[in-house]
N, C-alpha and C. Protein backbone atom coordinates (compact mmCIF):
# COMPACT_ATOMS: atom_id res chain seq x y z
N MET A 1 0.85 -1.18 0.00
CA MET A 1 0.00 0.00 0.00
C MET A 1 0.89 1.24 0.00
N GLU A 2 0.45 2.26 -0.70
CA GLU A 2 1.22 3.50 -0.74
C GLU A 2 0.39 4.61 -0.12
N VAL A 3 1.03 5.42 0.73
CA VAL A 3 0.35 6.56 1.36
C VAL A 3 0.90 7.84 0.75
N ASP A 4 0.05 8.87 0.69
CA ASP A 4 0.44 10.15 0.09
C ASP A 4 1.48 10.88 0.93
N GLU A 5 1.34 10.79 2.24
CA GLU A 5 2.19 11.62 3.11
C GLU A 5 2.48 10.87 4.40
N ILE A 6 3.69 11.06 4.89
CA ILE A 6 4.06 10.52 6.19
C ILE A 6 4.83 11.61 6.93
N THR A 7 4.52 11.79 8.21
CA THR A 7 5.16 12.82 9.03
C THR A 7 5.88 12.13 10.18
N VAL A 8 7.17 12.38 10.29
CA VAL A 8 7.94 11.85 11.40
C VAL A 8 7.83 12.86 12.54
N LEU A 9 7.23 12.42 13.64
CA LEU A 9 7.00 13.31 14.78
C LEU A 9 8.28 13.41 15.60
N SER A 10 8.70 14.64 15.90
CA SER A 10 9.95 14.85 16.61
C SER A 10 9.85 16.10 17.48
N PRO A 11 10.39 16.05 18.70
CA PRO A 11 10.39 17.26 19.54
C PRO A 11 11.32 18.34 18.99
N ASP A 12 12.26 17.96 18.12
CA ASP A 12 13.18 18.93 17.53
C ASP A 12 12.52 19.78 16.45
N PHE A 13 11.46 19.25 15.82
CA PHE A 13 10.75 19.95 14.76
C PHE A 13 9.27 20.02 15.17
N PRO A 14 8.76 21.21 15.47
CA PRO A 14 7.39 21.33 16.00
C PRO A 14 6.33 20.68 15.12
N GLY A 15 6.39 20.85 13.81
CA GLY A 15 5.38 20.26 12.93
C GLY A 15 5.75 18.89 12.43
N GLY A 16 6.95 18.43 12.76
CA GLY A 16 7.43 17.15 12.25
C GLY A 16 8.04 17.31 10.88
N LEU A 17 8.64 16.25 10.38
CA LEU A 17 9.22 16.23 9.03
C LEU A 17 8.28 15.43 8.13
N THR A 18 7.77 16.08 7.08
CA THR A 18 6.77 15.46 6.22
C THR A 18 7.36 15.17 4.85
N PHE A 19 7.06 13.98 4.33
CA PHE A 19 7.46 13.62 2.98
C PHE A 19 6.54 12.52 2.48
N GLY A 20 6.67 12.18 1.22
CA GLY A 20 5.84 11.12 0.65
C GLY A 20 5.94 11.16 -0.85
N PRO A 21 5.44 10.22 -1.54
CA PRO A 21 4.71 9.05 -1.08
C PRO A 21 5.65 8.00 -0.49
N VAL A 22 5.08 7.13 0.34
CA VAL A 22 5.83 6.08 1.02
C VAL A 22 5.07 4.77 0.87
N THR A 23 5.80 3.70 0.62
CA THR A 23 5.20 2.37 0.51
C THR A 23 5.19 1.71 1.88
N LEU A 24 4.02 1.23 2.29
CA LEU A 24 3.90 0.51 3.55
C LEU A 24 4.11 -0.97 3.28
N GLU A 25 4.92 -1.58 4.12
CA GLU A 25 5.16 -3.01 4.01
C GLU A 25 4.40 -3.72 5.12
N SER A 26 4.44 -5.02 5.12
CA SER A 26 3.73 -5.78 6.15
C SER A 26 4.35 -5.51 7.51
N ALA A 27 3.64 -5.88 8.53
CA ALA A 27 4.11 -5.61 9.90
C ALA A 27 5.45 -6.27 10.16
N TRP A 28 6.19 -5.66 11.04
CA TRP A 28 7.54 -6.11 11.37
C TRP A 28 7.49 -7.45 12.09
N GLU A 29 8.33 -8.36 11.67
CA GLU A 29 8.43 -9.65 12.35
C GLU A 29 9.69 -9.64 13.18
N GLY A 30 9.59 -10.03 14.42
CA GLY A 30 10.73 -9.97 15.32
C GLY A 30 10.70 -8.68 16.10
N SER A 31 11.80 -8.36 16.75
CA SER A 31 11.84 -7.12 17.54
C SER A 31 12.94 -6.21 16.99
N PRO A 32 12.56 -5.03 16.49
CA PRO A 32 13.56 -4.10 15.97
C PRO A 32 14.30 -3.40 17.11
N GLU A 33 15.40 -2.79 16.76
CA GLU A 33 16.15 -1.98 17.73
C GLU A 33 15.30 -0.76 18.08
N VAL A 34 15.20 -0.45 19.35
CA VAL A 34 14.39 0.68 19.79
C VAL A 34 14.91 1.98 19.19
N ARG A 35 16.21 2.08 19.00
CA ARG A 35 16.78 3.33 18.45
C ARG A 35 16.40 3.53 16.99
N ASP A 36 15.98 2.46 16.27
CA ASP A 36 15.59 2.57 14.87
C ASP A 36 14.12 2.96 14.68
N GLU A 37 13.32 2.78 15.73
CA GLU A 37 11.90 3.09 15.63
C GLU A 37 11.65 4.59 15.68
N LEU A 38 10.68 5.03 14.89
CA LEU A 38 10.27 6.44 14.90
C LEU A 38 8.76 6.51 15.01
N ALA A 39 8.27 7.50 15.75
CA ALA A 39 6.83 7.76 15.81
C ALA A 39 6.44 8.52 14.55
N VAL A 40 5.38 8.07 13.89
CA VAL A 40 4.96 8.70 12.63
C VAL A 40 3.46 8.90 12.60
N ARG A 41 3.04 9.79 11.69
CA ARG A 41 1.62 10.01 11.40
C ARG A 41 1.45 9.80 9.90
N LEU A 42 0.58 8.88 9.50
CA LEU A 42 0.35 8.54 8.10
C LEU A 42 -0.93 9.19 7.60
N THR A 43 -0.89 9.71 6.38
CA THR A 43 -2.08 10.24 5.73
C THR A 43 -2.25 9.46 4.42
N PRO A 44 -3.19 8.50 4.37
CA PRO A 44 -3.31 7.66 3.18
C PRO A 44 -3.63 8.43 1.91
N ARG A 45 -4.55 9.37 1.98
CA ARG A 45 -4.82 10.19 0.80
C ARG A 45 -5.17 11.60 1.26
N ARG A 46 -4.63 12.55 0.52
CA ARG A 46 -4.88 13.95 0.84
C ARG A 46 -4.93 14.75 -0.44
N LEU A 47 -5.61 15.85 -0.41
CA LEU A 47 -5.72 16.76 -1.55
C LEU A 47 -5.39 18.16 -1.06
N GLN A 48 -4.84 18.98 -1.94
CA GLN A 48 -4.55 20.36 -1.57
C GLN A 48 -5.39 21.28 -2.43
N PHE A 49 -6.08 22.21 -1.78
CA PHE A 49 -6.91 23.18 -2.47
C PHE A 49 -6.95 24.44 -1.62
N LEU A 50 -6.73 25.59 -2.22
CA LEU A 50 -6.70 26.88 -1.53
C LEU A 50 -5.68 26.91 -0.39
N GLY A 51 -4.57 26.19 -0.56
CA GLY A 51 -3.51 26.17 0.43
C GLY A 51 -3.81 25.32 1.66
N ILE A 52 -4.91 24.58 1.63
CA ILE A 52 -5.30 23.72 2.76
C ILE A 52 -5.18 22.27 2.32
N TYR A 53 -4.62 21.43 3.21
CA TYR A 53 -4.58 20.00 2.95
C TYR A 53 -5.87 19.39 3.47
N TRP A 54 -6.60 18.70 2.59
CA TRP A 54 -7.87 18.08 2.91
C TRP A 54 -7.66 16.58 3.01
N TYR A 55 -8.13 15.98 4.09
CA TYR A 55 -8.01 14.53 4.28
C TYR A 55 -9.13 14.08 5.19
N ALA A 56 -9.45 12.79 5.12
CA ALA A 56 -10.54 12.25 5.94
C ALA A 56 -10.03 11.72 7.27
N GLU A 57 -8.83 11.15 7.26
CA GLU A 57 -8.29 10.57 8.49
C GLU A 57 -6.78 10.43 8.40
N ARG A 58 -6.17 10.27 9.57
CA ARG A 58 -4.74 10.02 9.70
C ARG A 58 -4.56 8.85 10.64
N TYR A 59 -3.37 8.28 10.62
CA TYR A 59 -3.06 7.16 11.49
C TYR A 59 -1.75 7.42 12.20
N ARG A 60 -1.66 7.04 13.47
CA ARG A 60 -0.42 7.15 14.25
C ARG A 60 0.10 5.77 14.57
N THR A 61 1.43 5.61 14.44
CA THR A 61 2.08 4.35 14.77
C THR A 61 3.56 4.59 14.96
N ARG A 62 4.29 3.54 15.20
CA ARG A 62 5.75 3.57 15.27
C ARG A 62 6.27 2.57 14.25
N GLY A 63 7.47 2.82 13.72
CA GLY A 63 8.00 1.89 12.75
C GLY A 63 9.42 2.21 12.32
N VAL A 64 9.88 1.44 11.33
CA VAL A 64 11.24 1.52 10.84
C VAL A 64 11.21 1.83 9.35
N PHE A 65 12.05 2.77 8.92
CA PHE A 65 12.17 3.14 7.52
C PHE A 65 13.34 2.40 6.87
N THR A 66 13.17 2.06 5.60
CA THR A 66 14.28 1.57 4.77
C THR A 66 14.18 2.28 3.43
N VAL A 67 15.31 2.51 2.81
CA VAL A 67 15.35 3.14 1.49
C VAL A 67 16.00 2.17 0.54
N ALA A 68 15.32 1.88 -0.57
CA ALA A 68 15.85 0.96 -1.57
C ALA A 68 15.44 1.46 -2.95
N ASP A 69 16.38 1.52 -3.85
CA ASP A 69 16.11 1.93 -5.23
C ASP A 69 15.37 3.26 -5.31
N ASP A 70 15.83 4.25 -4.59
CA ASP A 70 15.24 5.59 -4.59
C ASP A 70 13.78 5.59 -4.16
N HIS A 71 13.41 4.66 -3.31
CA HIS A 71 12.04 4.62 -2.82
C HIS A 71 12.05 4.35 -1.33
N VAL A 72 11.18 5.02 -0.60
CA VAL A 72 11.12 4.88 0.86
C VAL A 72 10.08 3.84 1.23
N HIS A 73 10.47 2.91 2.09
CA HIS A 73 9.56 1.88 2.58
C HIS A 73 9.45 2.05 4.09
N PHE A 74 8.27 1.77 4.63
CA PHE A 74 8.02 1.89 6.06
C PHE A 74 7.38 0.61 6.58
N ARG A 75 7.92 0.09 7.67
CA ARG A 75 7.37 -1.10 8.31
C ARG A 75 6.89 -0.74 9.70
N PRO A 76 5.57 -0.85 9.96
CA PRO A 76 5.08 -0.56 11.31
C PRO A 76 5.55 -1.62 12.30
N THR A 77 5.89 -1.18 13.50
CA THR A 77 6.33 -2.10 14.55
C THR A 77 5.39 -2.08 15.74
N ALA A 78 4.39 -1.22 15.71
CA ALA A 78 3.44 -1.11 16.82
C ALA A 78 2.03 -1.04 16.25
N GLY A 79 1.07 -1.08 17.12
CA GLY A 79 -0.32 -0.95 16.70
C GLY A 79 -0.61 0.42 16.11
N VAL A 80 -1.67 0.49 15.32
CA VAL A 80 -2.02 1.73 14.63
C VAL A 80 -3.28 2.31 15.27
N SER A 81 -3.26 3.62 15.54
CA SER A 81 -4.46 4.29 16.03
C SER A 81 -4.93 5.29 14.98
N ARG A 82 -6.25 5.37 14.81
CA ARG A 82 -6.84 6.21 13.78
C ARG A 82 -7.29 7.54 14.38
N GLU A 83 -6.99 8.63 13.66
CA GLU A 83 -7.44 9.98 14.04
C GLU A 83 -8.35 10.49 12.94
N ARG A 84 -9.60 10.71 13.26
CA ARG A 84 -10.50 11.29 12.26
C ARG A 84 -10.24 12.78 12.17
N ALA A 85 -10.35 13.32 10.97
CA ALA A 85 -10.18 14.76 10.77
C ALA A 85 -11.45 15.47 11.24
N ALA A 86 -11.35 16.78 11.38
CA ALA A 86 -12.52 17.59 11.73
C ALA A 86 -13.60 17.42 10.65
N TRP A 87 -14.84 17.63 11.01
CA TRP A 87 -15.94 17.38 10.08
C TRP A 87 -15.81 18.20 8.80
N TRP A 88 -15.37 19.45 8.90
CA TRP A 88 -15.26 20.31 7.71
C TRP A 88 -14.12 19.85 6.79
N ARG A 89 -13.06 19.27 7.36
CA ARG A 89 -11.96 18.78 6.55
C ARG A 89 -12.38 17.49 5.82
N ARG A 90 -13.13 16.61 6.50
CA ARG A 90 -13.64 15.38 5.85
C ARG A 90 -14.62 15.74 4.74
N PHE A 91 -15.51 16.70 5.01
CA PHE A 91 -16.49 17.13 4.03
C PHE A 91 -15.80 17.72 2.80
N GLY A 92 -14.81 18.59 3.03
CA GLY A 92 -14.07 19.18 1.90
C GLY A 92 -13.32 18.13 1.11
N CYS A 93 -12.75 17.15 1.78
CA CYS A 93 -12.03 16.07 1.10
C CYS A 93 -12.98 15.29 0.18
N ARG A 94 -14.16 14.96 0.69
CA ARG A 94 -15.13 14.22 -0.12
C ARG A 94 -15.60 15.04 -1.32
N LEU A 95 -15.83 16.34 -1.12
CA LEU A 95 -16.24 17.20 -2.24
C LEU A 95 -15.14 17.27 -3.31
N LEU A 96 -13.90 17.45 -2.89
CA LEU A 96 -12.80 17.54 -3.85
C LEU A 96 -12.61 16.22 -4.59
N GLU A 97 -12.73 15.08 -3.90
CA GLU A 97 -12.62 13.79 -4.57
C GLU A 97 -13.70 13.62 -5.62
N ARG A 98 -14.93 14.00 -5.26
CA ARG A 98 -16.05 13.89 -6.22
C ARG A 98 -15.84 14.83 -7.40
N TRP A 99 -15.33 16.04 -7.13
CA TRP A 99 -15.08 17.02 -8.19
C TRP A 99 -14.01 16.50 -9.14
N GLN A 100 -12.96 15.87 -8.61
CA GLN A 100 -11.89 15.33 -9.45
C GLN A 100 -12.41 14.20 -10.33
N LEU A 101 -13.29 13.35 -9.81
CA LEU A 101 -13.86 12.27 -10.62
C LEU A 101 -14.70 12.83 -11.76
N ARG A 102 -15.45 13.90 -11.50
CA ARG A 102 -16.26 14.50 -12.56
C ARG A 102 -15.40 15.22 -13.60
N ALA A 103 -14.26 15.76 -13.17
CA ALA A 103 -13.39 16.51 -14.08
C ALA A 103 -12.59 15.60 -15.00
N GLN A 104 -12.41 14.34 -14.62
CA GLN A 104 -11.65 13.41 -15.45
C GLN A 104 -12.51 12.97 -16.62
N PRO A 105 -11.96 13.00 -17.84
CA PRO A 105 -12.75 12.56 -18.99
C PRO A 105 -12.90 11.04 -18.97
N SER A 106 -14.06 10.57 -19.38
CA SER A 106 -14.26 9.13 -19.47
C SER A 106 -13.52 8.60 -20.69
N GLY A 107 -13.39 7.32 -20.81
CA GLY A 107 -12.66 6.71 -21.93
C GLY A 107 -13.28 7.04 -23.28
N ALA A 108 -14.61 7.07 -23.35
CA ALA A 108 -15.28 7.35 -24.63
C ALA A 108 -15.02 8.79 -25.08
N HIS A 109 -15.07 9.75 -24.17
CA HIS A 109 -14.82 11.13 -24.54
C HIS A 109 -13.36 11.33 -24.96
N ALA A 110 -12.45 10.66 -24.30
CA ALA A 110 -11.04 10.80 -24.64
C ALA A 110 -10.74 10.28 -26.04
N LEU A 111 -11.41 9.20 -26.45
CA LEU A 111 -11.19 8.66 -27.79
C LEU A 111 -11.75 9.58 -28.85
N ARG A 112 -12.91 10.22 -28.61
CA ARG A 112 -13.49 11.13 -29.60
C ARG A 112 -12.65 12.37 -29.81
N ASP A 113 -11.92 12.81 -28.79
CA ASP A 113 -11.12 14.03 -28.89
C ASP A 113 -9.88 13.83 -29.74
N ARG A 114 -9.49 12.60 -30.00
CA ARG A 114 -8.25 12.36 -30.78
C ARG A 114 -8.48 12.48 -32.22
């Protein structure tokens, strides 16, 4: 599974360090080194409109990052807790998703335009 955004939570950076997309791998088997684990916040899908990031929910967990072939992979090592966004952010996210689906041309229209 790939998530749009992942934020590494840190007391050194008030808002955390955000980057993405990141590929999620299956849960960690065995016990990782505690020093390798990082607390993170995952946002599976988000949209930006009018300078605001719109999303329906976020997830908090701990895990280990690996980088391979210019791609970031994340393996959760702890349970995941879900954070629902505020009602207006969820509503805006659903509206923008619906608007994007309507704005995309269907296959039949795309063929006629050629």
